Amino acid sequence: MRYLDPESLGKIKNLRFVPVRGLAEGAYSGMHRSAYKGSSQEFMEHREYVPGDEIKYIDWKVYARKERFFVRLYREEKNLRSYFLLDASGSMAYKSPRAARPAKFEYACRLAMGMAYLILRQTDAVGLGVFSDAPKLFLAPDNQMAQLERLDQALAGVVPQGKTDMEGGLAYYAQLLHRRSLAVVFSDLMGPAEKIQSVIRALKAHKHEVLVFHVLDPVERDFDFEGPVLFDPLEGGEALRCDAHLLKEAYRREFAELIKYYTASFHASEIGYATVYTDQPWESALKKALGKQ
């Protein structure tokens, strides 16, 4: 696979994932416990106990043998549906020309594939939507491990280009999401911050749990340019020439305020939010976002 290799899998194999309502950055940890408990007595399989599971589902005979808690799953227990919504606009193609770092889109794909592996491993379903100035593709959710290969192939065929249309893209995919799903957005959130926050908050209003990965290159935070610089637009428009030294202090101040705004506004809306930078190993960024330092 292009975006997931055995070495990376080894680094995240001990992670577990469960979406928890109302938590902010670093707020997702553990393994998913379905919100839909089945009442059927047709036994399906065991899985290891995680905090929040009902005690009545613990299999004490298994505990006696293994000295670890396992819960019984039944046939009517429903899977969580997760939808990964990736921004493939032109700005996501950016990577610093002065450092050996991946482009933001590649980094987002690796994060998405790593999380998909964790979710599929617990037999929950993962689907995919990719957008820029229009929806690019949709892959229906599936809970079979073969879905991982399909996700990788779909992402490998995407070239980030075009303008960002968060409103149109997310509104389109919102119509395809089942109720009580998990929507995970991977984007650099380029555009008017209040409008972007409002668009993502609309997913929450449709009863979905939402997690946002804000994917950035460190250059976008540090603005470590010097002297006259010509900035080429990645989403159309005219190139901009400016003296970077004169802009640096104001730019960094505005950037810090932007991150504060997103952090506070998403937290207030009970939307998970994680800022990740492409100079971090993506496995470490995923661990941090899932609350595993």
C-alpha atoms as a PDB file:
ATOM      1  CA  MET A   1       0.000   0.000   0.000  1.00  0.00           C
ATOM      2  CA  ARG A   2       1.143   3.526  -0.733  1.00  0.00           C
ATOM      3  CA  TYR A   3       0.136   5.214   2.512  1.00  0.00           C
ATOM      4  CA  LEU A   4       0.523   2.446   5.083  1.00  0.00           C
ATOM      5  CA  ASP A   5       3.509   0.160   5.555  1.00  0.00           C
ATOM      6  CA  PRO A   6       4.390  -2.601   8.055  1.00  0.00           C
ATOM      7  CA  GLU A   7       6.786  -0.372  10.001  1.00  0.00           C
ATOM      8  CA  SER A   8       4.097   2.251  10.560  1.00  0.00           C
ATOM      9  CA  LEU A   9       1.564  -0.407  11.515  1.00  0.00           C
ATOM     10  CA  GLY A  10       3.968  -1.630  14.161  1.00  0.00           C
ATOM     11  CA  LYS A  11       4.069   1.854  15.697  1.00  0.00           C
ATOM     12  CA  ILE A  12       0.296   2.185  16.033  1.00  0.00           C
ATOM     13  CA  LYS A  13      -0.756  -1.415  16.651  1.00  0.00           C
ATOM     14  CA  ASN A  14      -1.317  -0.811  20.374  1.00  0.00           C
ATOM     15  CA  LEU A  15      -3.566   2.211  19.829  1.00  0.00           C
ATOM     16  CA  ARG A  16      -7.301   1.886  20.339  1.00  0.00           C
ATOM     17  CA  PHE A  17     -10.050   4.205  19.341  1.00  0.00           C
ATOM     18  CA  VAL A  18     -13.387   5.272  20.773  1.00  0.00           C
ATOM     19  CA  PRO A  19     -15.242   8.489  19.924  1.00  0.00           C
ATOM     20  CA  VAL A  20     -16.367  10.316  23.048  1.00  0.00           C
ATOM     21  CA  ARG A  21     -18.851  13.177  22.874  1.00  0.00           C
ATOM     22  CA  GLY A  22     -17.819  16.666  23.814  1.00  0.00           C
ATOM     23  CA  LEU A  23     -14.041  16.479  24.037  1.00  0.00           C
ATOM     24  CA  ALA A  24     -11.480  18.727  22.370  1.00  0.00           C
ATOM     25  CA  GLU A  25      -7.875  18.275  21.184  1.00  0.00           C
ATOM     26  CA  GLY A  26      -6.309  15.006  22.253  1.00  0.00           C
ATOM     27  CA  ALA A  27      -9.739  13.811  23.260  1.00  0.00           C
ATOM     28  CA  TYR A  28     -10.168  10.531  21.426  1.00  0.00           C
ATOM     29  CA  SER A  29      -8.731   7.447  23.078  1.00  0.00           C
ATOM     30  CA  GLY A  30      -9.384   3.778  23.635  1.00  0.00           C
ATOM     31  CA  MET A  31     -11.484   1.432  21.572  1.00  0.00           C
ATOM     32  CA  HIS A  32     -14.945   2.077  20.208  1.00  0.00           C
ATOM     33  CA  ARG A  33     -17.898   0.865  22.219  1.00  0.00           C
ATOM     34  CA  SER A  34     -20.946   0.835  19.977  1.00  0.00           C
ATOM     35  CA  ALA A  35     -23.799   3.162  20.853  1.00  0.00           C
ATOM     36  CA  TYR A  36     -26.147   0.519  19.526  1.00  0.00           C
ATOM     37  CA  LYS A  37     -26.282  -2.391  21.981  1.00  0.00           C
ATOM     38  CA  GLY A  38     -27.919  -5.513  20.601  1.00  0.00           C
ATOM     39  CA  SER A  39     -30.369  -7.546  22.588  1.00  0.00           C
ATOM     40  CA  SER A  40     -29.838 -10.778  20.668  1.00  0.00           C
ATOM     41  CA  GLN A  41     -28.407 -13.746  22.522  1.00  0.00           C
ATOM     42  CA  GLU A  42     -26.599 -15.016  19.404  1.00  0.00           C
ATOM     43  CA  PHE A  43     -22.969 -14.797  20.444  1.00  0.00           C
ATOM     44  CA  MET A  44     -20.582 -13.417  17.811  1.00  0.00           C
ATOM     45  CA  GLU A  45     -17.138 -12.887  19.388  1.00  0.00           C
ATOM     46  CA  HIS A  46     -15.162 -11.472  22.308  1.00  0.00           C
ATOM     47  CA  ARG A  47     -13.267  -8.222  22.457  1.00  0.00           C
ATOM     48  CA  GLU A  48     -11.212  -6.751  25.242  1.00  0.00           C
ATOM     49  CA  TYR A  49     -13.048  -4.665  27.824  1.00  0.00           C
ATOM     50  CA  VAL A  50     -12.649  -0.880  27.693  1.00  0.00           C
ATOM     51  CA  PRO A  51     -13.872   1.636  30.299  1.00  0.00           C
ATOM     52  CA  GLY A  52     -17.531   2.381  29.675  1.00  0.00           C
ATOM     53  CA  ASP A  53     -18.521  -1.140  28.657  1.00  0.00           C
ATOM     54  CA  GLU A  54     -21.437  -2.546  30.626  1.00  0.00           C
ATOM     55  CA  ILE A  55     -20.290  -4.986  33.309  1.00  0.00           C
ATOM     56  CA  LYS A  56     -23.047  -7.433  32.413  1.00  0.00           C
ATOM     57  CA  TYR A  57     -21.262  -8.188  29.114  1.00  0.00           C
ATOM     58  CA  ILE A  58     -18.005  -9.293  30.792  1.00  0.00           C
ATOM     59  CA  ASP A  59     -17.229 -12.979  30.245  1.00  0.00           C
ATOM     60  CA  TRP A  60     -15.941 -14.127  33.628  1.00  0.00           C
ATOM     61  CA  LYS A  61     -14.909 -17.530  32.336  1.00  0.00           C
ATOM     62  CA  VAL A  62     -12.512 -15.897  29.909  1.00  0.00           C
ATOM     63  CA  TYR A  63     -11.236 -13.690  32.713  1.00  0.00           C
ATOM     64  CA  ALA A  64     -10.493 -16.797  34.796  1.00  0.00           C
ATOM     65  CA  ARG A  65      -8.332 -18.171  31.984  1.00  0.00           C
ATOM     66  CA  LYS A  66      -6.565 -15.027  30.805  1.00  0.00           C
ATOM     67  CA  GLU A  67      -6.792 -12.728  33.846  1.00  0.00           C
ATOM     68  CA  ARG A  68      -7.962  -9.950  31.528  1.00  0.00           C
ATOM     69  CA  PHE A  69     -11.452  -8.627  31.003  1.00  0.00           C
ATOM     70  CA  PHE A  70     -13.277  -9.441  27.768  1.00  0.00           C
ATOM     71  CA  VAL A  71     -16.849  -8.607  26.804  1.00  0.00           C
ATOM     72  CA  ARG A  72     -19.234 -10.707  24.745  1.00  0.00           C
ATOM     73  CA  LEU A  73     -20.520  -9.258  21.468  1.00  0.00           C
ATOM     74  CA  TYR A  74     -23.802 -10.380  19.975  1.00  0.00           C
ATOM     75  CA  ARG A  75     -25.039 -10.508  16.405  1.00  0.00           C
ATOM     76  CA  GLU A  76     -27.415  -7.552  16.724  1.00  0.00           C
ATOM     77  CA  GLU A  77     -24.754  -5.201  17.997  1.00  0.00           C
ATOM     78  CA  LYS A  78     -24.293  -2.529  15.345  1.00  0.00           C
ATOM     79  CA  ASN A  79     -21.051  -1.127  13.962  1.00  0.00           C
ATOM     80  CA  LEU A  80     -20.017   2.482  14.101  1.00  0.00           C
ATOM     81  CA  ARG A  81     -19.900   4.125  10.669  1.00  0.00           C
ATOM     82  CA  SER A  82     -16.997   6.491  10.154  1.00  0.00           C
ATOM     83  CA  TYR A  83     -16.635   8.804   7.186  1.00  0.00           C
ATOM     84  CA  PHE A  84     -13.263  10.351   6.379  1.00  0.00           C
ATOM     85  CA  LEU A  85     -13.669  13.656   4.517  1.00  0.00           C
ATOM     86  CA  LEU A  86     -10.402  14.806   2.919  1.00  0.00           C
ATOM     87  CA  ASP A  87      -9.664  18.240   1.514  1.00  0.00           C
ATOM     88  CA  ALA A  88      -7.833  17.787  -1.813  1.00  0.00           C
ATOM     89  CA  SER A  89      -7.674  21.450  -2.829  1.00  0.00           C
ATOM     90  CA  GLY A  90      -4.549  23.011  -4.271  1.00  0.00           C
ATOM     91  CA  SER A  91      -3.261  24.337  -0.947  1.00  0.00           C
ATOM     92  CA  MET A  92      -3.061  20.767   0.380  1.00  0.00           C
ATOM     93  CA  ALA A  93      -0.318  20.102  -2.205  1.00  0.00           C
ATOM     94  CA  TYR A  94       2.022  22.474  -0.377  1.00  0.00           C
ATOM     95  CA  LYS A  95       5.273  21.278   1.126  1.00  0.00           C
ATOM     96  CA  SER A  96       8.287  23.313   2.137  1.00  0.00           C
ATOM     97  CA  PRO A  97      10.965  23.338  -0.587  1.00  0.00           C
ATOM     98  CA  ARG A  98      13.658  23.654   2.093  1.00  0.00           C
ATOM     99  CA  ALA A  99      12.931  20.531   4.126  1.00  0.00           C
ATOM    100  CA  ALA A 100      12.327  16.860   3.431  1.00  0.00           C
ATOM    101  CA  ARG A 101       8.691  16.797   4.521  1.00  0.00           C
ATOM    102  CA  PRO A 102       5.621  15.350   2.839  1.00  0.00           C
ATOM    103  CA  ALA A 103       2.972  17.510   1.263  1.00  0.00           C
ATOM    104  CA  LYS A 104      -0.007  18.209   3.487  1.00  0.00           C
ATOM    105  CA  PHE A 105      -2.265  15.965   1.414  1.00  0.00           C
ATOM    106  CA  GLU A 106       0.119  13.024   1.651  1.00  0.00           C
ATOM    107  CA  TYR A 107       0.374  13.536   5.403  1.00  0.00           C
ATOM    108  CA  ALA A 108      -3.422  13.668   5.716  1.00  0.00           C
ATOM    109  CA  CYS A 109      -3.709  10.436   3.708  1.00  0.00           C
ATOM    110  CA  ARG A 110      -1.299   8.654   6.038  1.00  0.00           C
ATOM    111  CA  LEU A 111      -3.213   9.868   9.090  1.00  0.00           C
ATOM    112  CA  ALA A 112      -6.474   8.728   7.537  1.00  0.00           C
ATOM    113  CA  MET A 113      -5.098   5.301   6.637  1.00  0.00           C
ATOM    114  CA  GLY A 114      -3.693   4.815  10.135  1.00  0.00           C
ATOM    115  CA  MET A 115      -7.014   5.686  11.737  1.00  0.00           C
ATOM    116  CA  ALA A 116      -8.867   3.529   9.214  1.00  0.00           C
ATOM    117  CA  TYR A 117      -6.740   0.564  10.234  1.00  0.00           C
ATOM    118  CA  LEU A 118      -7.597   1.085  13.915  1.00  0.00           C
ATOM    119  CA  ILE A 119     -11.313   1.354  13.183  1.00  0.00           C
ATOM    120  CA  LEU A 120     -11.473  -1.581  10.769  1.00  0.00           C
ATOM    121  CA  ARG A 121      -9.534  -3.750  13.190  1.00  0.00           C
ATOM    122  CA  GLN A 122     -12.453  -3.538  15.585  1.00  0.00           C
ATOM    123  CA  THR A 123     -14.932  -4.422  12.788  1.00  0.00           C
ATOM    124  CA  ASP A 124     -16.363  -0.915  12.506  1.00  0.00           C
ATOM    125  CA  ALA A 125     -16.997   0.581   9.060  1.00  0.00           C
ATOM    126  CA  VAL A 126     -15.017   3.301   7.279  1.00  0.00           C
ATOM    127  CA  GLY A 127     -16.048   5.316   4.211  1.00  0.00           C
ATOM    128  CA  LEU A 128     -14.293   8.083   2.283  1.00  0.00           C
ATOM    129  CA  GLY A 129     -15.190  11.374   0.673  1.00  0.00           C
ATOM    130  CA  VAL A 130     -12.679  13.642  -1.120  1.00  0.00           C
ATOM    131  CA  PHE A 131     -13.421  17.205  -2.200  1.00  0.00           C
ATOM    132  CA  SER A 132     -11.856  20.460  -3.408  1.00  0.00           C
ATOM    133  CA  ASP A 133     -13.972  22.872  -5.443  1.00  0.00           C
ATOM    134  CA  ALA A 134     -16.404  19.956  -5.935  1.00  0.00           C
ATOM    135  CA  PRO A 135     -16.815  16.409  -4.587  1.00  0.00           C
ATOM    136  CA  LYS A 136     -14.145  14.183  -6.191  1.00  0.00           C
ATOM    137  CA  LEU A 137     -15.045  10.688  -5.049  1.00  0.00           C
ATOM    138  CA  PHE A 138     -17.063   8.726  -2.527  1.00  0.00           C
ATOM    139  CA  LEU A 139     -16.324   5.266  -1.156  1.00  0.00           C
ATOM    140  CA  ALA A 140     -19.207   3.718   0.770  1.00  0.00           C
ATOM    141  CA  PRO A 141     -18.450   2.480   4.306  1.00  0.00           C
ATOM    142  CA  ASP A 142     -17.382  -1.122   4.782  1.00  0.00           C
ATOM    143  CA  ASN A 143     -16.133  -2.944   7.862  1.00  0.00           C
ATOM    144  CA  GLN A 144     -14.014  -5.592   6.137  1.00  0.00           C
ATOM    145  CA  MET A 145     -10.239  -5.265   6.328  1.00  0.00           C
ATOM    146  CA  ALA A 146     -10.150  -5.340   2.501  1.00  0.00           C
ATOM    147  CA  GLN A 147     -11.569  -1.797   2.727  1.00  0.00           C
ATOM    148  CA  LEU A 148      -8.096  -0.636   3.746  1.00  0.00           C
ATOM    149  CA  GLU A 149      -6.728  -1.571   0.316  1.00  0.00           C
ATOM    150  CA  ARG A 150      -9.654   0.140  -1.401  1.00  0.00           C
ATOM    151  CA  LEU A 151      -9.084   3.323   0.606  1.00  0.00           C
ATOM    152  CA  ASP A 152      -5.389   3.339  -0.270  1.00  0.00           C
ATOM    153  CA  GLN A 153      -6.069   2.839  -3.982  1.00  0.00           C
ATOM    154  CA  ALA A 154      -8.688   5.587  -4.004  1.00  0.00           C
ATOM    155  CA  LEU A 155      -6.399   8.094  -2.279  1.00  0.00           C
ATOM    156  CA  ALA A 156      -3.437   7.181  -4.486  1.00  0.00           C
ATOM    157  CA  GLY A 157      -5.447   8.319  -7.490  1.00  0.00           C
ATOM    158  CA  VAL A 158      -6.180  11.798  -6.111  1.00  0.00           C
ATOM    159  CA  VAL A 159      -4.129  14.841  -7.144  1.00  0.00           C
ATOM    160  CA  PRO A 160      -4.756  17.864  -4.894  1.00  0.00           C
ATOM    161  CA  GLN A 161      -5.815  20.808  -7.057  1.00  0.00           C
ATOM    162  CA  GLY A 162      -8.478  23.451  -7.416  1.00  0.00           C
ATOM    163  CA  LYS A 163      -9.975  25.861  -4.923  1.00  0.00           C
ATOM    164  CA  THR A 164     -11.314  24.937  -1.506  1.00  0.00           C
ATOM    165  CA  ASP A 165     -15.081  24.693  -1.202  1.00  0.00           C
ATOM    166  CA  MET A 166     -15.605  23.413   2.333  1.00  0.00           C
ATOM    167  CA  GLU A 167     -19.248  24.441   2.333  1.00  0.00           C
ATOM    168  CA  GLY A 168     -20.170  22.641  -0.865  1.00  0.00           C
ATOM    169  CA  GLY A 169     -18.023  19.590  -0.192  1.00  0.00           C
ATOM    170  CA  LEU A 170     -19.175  18.941   3.351  1.00  0.00           C
ATOM    171  CA  ALA A 171     -22.798  19.728   2.535  1.00  0.00           C
ATOM    172  CA  TYR A 172     -22.711  17.148  -0.264  1.00  0.00           C
ATOM    173  CA  TYR A 173     -21.273  14.400   1.901  1.00  0.00           C
ATOM    174  CA  ALA A 174     -23.544  15.271   4.824  1.00  0.00           C
ATOM    175  CA  GLN A 175     -26.450  14.010   2.694  1.00  0.00           C
ATOM    176  CA  LEU A 176     -24.741  10.620   2.371  1.00  0.00           C
ATOM    177  CA  LEU A 177     -23.920  10.115   6.037  1.00  0.00           C
ATOM    178  CA  HIS A 178     -26.069   7.840   8.149  1.00  0.00           C
ATOM    179  CA  ARG A 179     -27.354   9.227  11.420  1.00  0.00           C
ATOM    180  CA  ARG A 180     -25.074   8.914  14.423  1.00  0.00           C
ATOM    181  CA  SER A 181     -21.931   8.523  12.352  1.00  0.00           C
ATOM    182  CA  LEU A 182     -18.427   9.770  13.005  1.00  0.00           C
ATOM    183  CA  ALA A 183     -17.197  12.376  10.505  1.00  0.00           C
ATOM    184  CA  VAL A 184     -13.432  12.956  10.457  1.00  0.00           C
ATOM    185  CA  VAL A 185     -12.313  16.017   8.475  1.00  0.00           C
ATOM    186  CA  PHE A 186      -8.721  16.331   7.234  1.00  0.00           C
ATOM    187  CA  SER A 187      -7.957  19.833   5.953  1.00  0.00           C
ATOM    188  CA  ASP A 188      -5.674  22.847   6.246  1.00  0.00           C
ATOM    189  CA  LEU A 189      -8.848  24.901   6.860  1.00  0.00           C
ATOM    190  CA  MET A 190      -7.826  27.584   4.396  1.00  0.00           C
ATOM    191  CA  GLY A 191     -10.475  30.260   4.027  1.00  0.00           C
ATOM    192  CA  PRO A 192     -12.639  32.479   6.258  1.00  0.00           C
ATOM    193  CA  ALA A 193     -12.342  30.915   9.718  1.00  0.00           C
ATOM    194  CA  GLU A 194     -15.850  31.747  10.923  1.00  0.00           C
ATOM    195  CA  LYS A 195     -17.432  30.308   7.775  1.00  0.00           C
ATOM    196  CA  ILE A 196     -15.335  27.124   7.980  1.00  0.00           C
ATOM    197  CA  GLN A 197     -16.218  26.652  11.641  1.00  0.00           C
ATOM    198  CA  SER A 198     -19.892  27.123  10.830  1.00  0.00           C
ATOM    199  CA  VAL A 199     -19.770  24.585   7.988  1.00  0.00           C
ATOM    200  CA  ILE A 200     -18.126  21.936  10.159  1.00  0.00           C
ATOM    201  CA  ARG A 201     -20.482  22.699  13.025  1.00  0.00           C
ATOM    202  CA  ALA A 202     -23.383  21.882  10.666  1.00  0.00           C
ATOM    203  CA  LEU A 203     -22.170  18.263  10.613  1.00  0.00           C
ATOM    204  CA  LYS A 204     -22.549  18.225  14.371  1.00  0.00           C
ATOM    205  CA  ALA A 205     -26.056  19.614  14.041  1.00  0.00           C
ATOM    206  CA  HIS A 206     -26.957  16.552  11.971  1.00  0.00           C
ATOM    207  CA  LYS A 207     -26.272  14.383  15.060  1.00  0.00           C
ATOM    208  CA  HIS A 208     -22.814  13.223  13.964  1.00  0.00           C
ATOM    209  CA  GLU A 209     -19.723  13.094  16.118  1.00  0.00           C
ATOM    210  CA  VAL A 210     -17.024  15.201  14.446  1.00  0.00           C
ATOM    211  CA  LEU A 211     -13.233  15.216  14.637  1.00  0.00           C
ATOM    212  CA  VAL A 212     -11.082  17.721  12.723  1.00  0.00           C
ATOM    213  CA  PHE A 213      -7.428  17.229  11.843  1.00  0.00           C
ATOM    214  CA  HIS A 214      -5.983  20.648  11.014  1.00  0.00           C
ATOM    215  CA  VAL A 215      -3.035  19.685   8.771  1.00  0.00           C
ATOM    216  CA  LEU A 216      -0.305  22.294   8.373  1.00  0.00           C
ATOM    217  CA  ASP A 217       3.284  22.683   7.232  1.00  0.00           C
ATOM    218  CA  PRO A 218       5.495  24.313   9.919  1.00  0.00           C
ATOM    219  CA  VAL A 219       6.299  27.102   7.456  1.00  0.00           C
ATOM    220  CA  GLU A 220       2.670  28.193   7.710  1.00  0.00           C
ATOM    221  CA  ARG A 221       3.146  28.615  11.448  1.00  0.00           C
ATOM    222  CA  ASP A 222       6.681  30.036  11.551  1.00  0.00           C
ATOM    223  CA  PHE A 223       6.760  32.152   8.367  1.00  0.00           C
ATOM    224  CA  ASP A 224      10.548  31.868   8.456  1.00  0.00           C
ATOM    225  CA  PHE A 225      11.165  33.700   5.176  1.00  0.00           C
ATOM    226  CA  GLU A 226      13.613  36.560   4.800  1.00  0.00           C
ATOM    227  CA  GLY A 227      13.788  39.478   2.392  1.00  0.00           C
ATOM    228  CA  PRO A 228      11.774  39.825  -0.827  1.00  0.00           C
ATOM    229  CA  VAL A 229       9.703  36.703  -1.523  1.00  0.00           C
ATOM    230  CA  LEU A 230       7.385  35.833  -4.392  1.00  0.00           C
ATOM    231  CA  PHE A 231       4.428  33.726  -3.222  1.00  0.00           C
ATOM    232  CA  ASP A 232       2.730  31.672  -5.927  1.00  0.00           C
ATOM    233  CA  PRO A 233      -0.949  30.908  -5.245  1.00  0.00           C
ATOM    234  CA  LEU A 234      -1.860  27.217  -5.193  1.00  0.00           C
ATOM    235  CA  GLU A 235      -5.572  27.803  -5.745  1.00  0.00           C
ATOM    236  CA  GLY A 236      -5.524  30.386  -8.500  1.00  0.00           C
ATOM    237  CA  GLY A 237      -5.048  34.155  -8.534  1.00  0.00           C
ATOM    238  CA  GLU A 238      -2.008  36.368  -8.936  1.00  0.00           C
ATOM    239  CA  ALA A 239       1.421  35.844  -7.399  1.00  0.00           C
ATOM    240  CA  LEU A 240       2.253  38.126  -4.475  1.00  0.00           C
ATOM    241  CA  ARG A 241       5.658  39.718  -3.926  1.00  0.00           C
ATOM    242  CA  CYS A 242       6.425  41.130  -0.487  1.00  0.00           C
ATOM    243  CA  ASP A 243       9.169  41.765   2.060  1.00  0.00           C
ATOM    244  CA  ALA A 244       8.790  38.812   4.417  1.00  0.00           C
ATOM    245  CA  HIS A 245      10.726  40.460   7.222  1.00  0.00           C
ATOM    246  CA  LEU A 246       8.198  43.282   7.462  1.00  0.00           C
ATOM    247  CA  LEU A 247       5.277  40.845   7.634  1.00  0.00           C
ATOM    248  CA  LYS A 248       6.698  38.197   9.932  1.00  0.00           C
ATOM    249  CA  GLU A 249       5.648  39.537  13.332  1.00  0.00           C
ATOM    250  CA  ALA A 250       2.100  40.409  12.268  1.00  0.00           C
ATOM    251  CA  TYR A 251       1.695  37.119  10.415  1.00  0.00           C
ATOM    252  CA  ARG A 252       2.763  35.017  13.407  1.00  0.00           C
ATOM    253  CA  ARG A 253       0.435  36.938  15.665  1.00  0.00           C
ATOM    254  CA  GLU A 254      -2.507  36.412  13.311  1.00  0.00           C
ATOM    255  CA  PHE A 255      -1.681  32.723  12.945  1.00  0.00           C
ATOM    256  CA  ALA A 256      -1.615  32.216  16.717  1.00  0.00           C
ATOM    257  CA  GLU A 257      -4.990  33.949  16.995  1.00  0.00           C
ATOM    258  CA  LEU A 258      -6.396  31.703  14.270  1.00  0.00           C
ATOM    259  CA  ILE A 259      -5.383  28.543  16.131  1.00  0.00           C
ATOM    260  CA  LYS A 260      -6.842  29.939  19.353  1.00  0.00           C
ATOM    261  CA  TYR A 261     -10.092  30.681  17.554  1.00  0.00           C
ATOM    262  CA  TYR A 262     -10.411  27.200  16.088  1.00  0.00           C
ATOM    263  CA  THR A 263      -9.485  25.561  19.384  1.00  0.00           C
ATOM    264  CA  ALA A 264     -12.018  27.550  21.384  1.00  0.00           C
ATOM    265  CA  SER A 265     -14.862  27.453  18.852  1.00  0.00           C
ATOM    266  CA  PHE A 266     -14.616  23.730  18.134  1.00  0.00           C
ATOM    267  CA  HIS A 267     -14.375  22.979  21.838  1.00  0.00           C
ATOM    268  CA  ALA A 268     -17.497  25.053  22.480  1.00  0.00           C
ATOM    269  CA  SER A 269     -19.305  23.040  19.778  1.00  0.00           C
ATOM    270  CA  GLU A 270     -18.106  19.715  21.249  1.00  0.00           C
ATOM    271  CA  ILE A 271     -16.076  18.981  18.119  1.00  0.00           C
ATOM    272  CA  GLY A 272     -12.743  17.205  18.450  1.00  0.00           C
ATOM    273  CA  TYR A 273      -9.876  19.300  17.075  1.00  0.00           C
ATOM    274  CA  ALA A 274      -6.211  18.400  16.584  1.00  0.00           C
ATOM    275  CA  THR A 275      -3.560  20.611  14.979  1.00  0.00           C
ATOM    276  CA  VAL A 276      -0.890  18.493  13.288  1.00  0.00           C
ATOM    277  CA  TYR A 277       2.293  19.566  11.503  1.00  0.00           C
ATOM    278  CA  THR A 278       4.028  17.699   8.720  1.00  0.00           C
ATOM    279  CA  ASP A 279       7.428  17.754  10.430  1.00  0.00           C
ATOM    280  CA  GLN A 280       6.066  15.338  13.066  1.00  0.00           C
ATOM    281  CA  PRO A 281       6.000  11.610  12.322  1.00  0.00           C
ATOM    282  CA  TRP A 282       2.369  11.014  11.438  1.00  0.00           C
ATOM    283  CA  GLU A 283       2.247   8.062  13.835  1.00  0.00           C
ATOM    284  CA  SER A 284       3.187  10.385  16.718  1.00  0.00           C
ATOM    285  CA  ALA A 285       0.599  12.940  15.629  1.00  0.00           C
ATOM    286  CA  LEU A 286      -2.068  10.235  15.591  1.00  0.00           C
ATOM    287  CA  LYS A 287      -1.075   9.027  19.043  1.00  0.00           C
ATOM    288  CA  LYS A 288      -1.279  12.554  20.403  1.00  0.00           C
ATOM    289  CA  ALA A 289      -4.678  13.148  18.809  1.00  0.00           C
ATOM    290  CA  LEU A 290      -5.953   9.915  20.345  1.00  0.00           C
ATOM    291  CA  GLY A 291      -4.696  10.951  23.769  1.00  0.00           C
ATOM    292  CA  LYS A 292      -1.638   8.665  23.820  1.00  0.00           C
ATOM    293  CA  GLN A 293       1.479  10.747  24.487  1.00  0.00           C
END
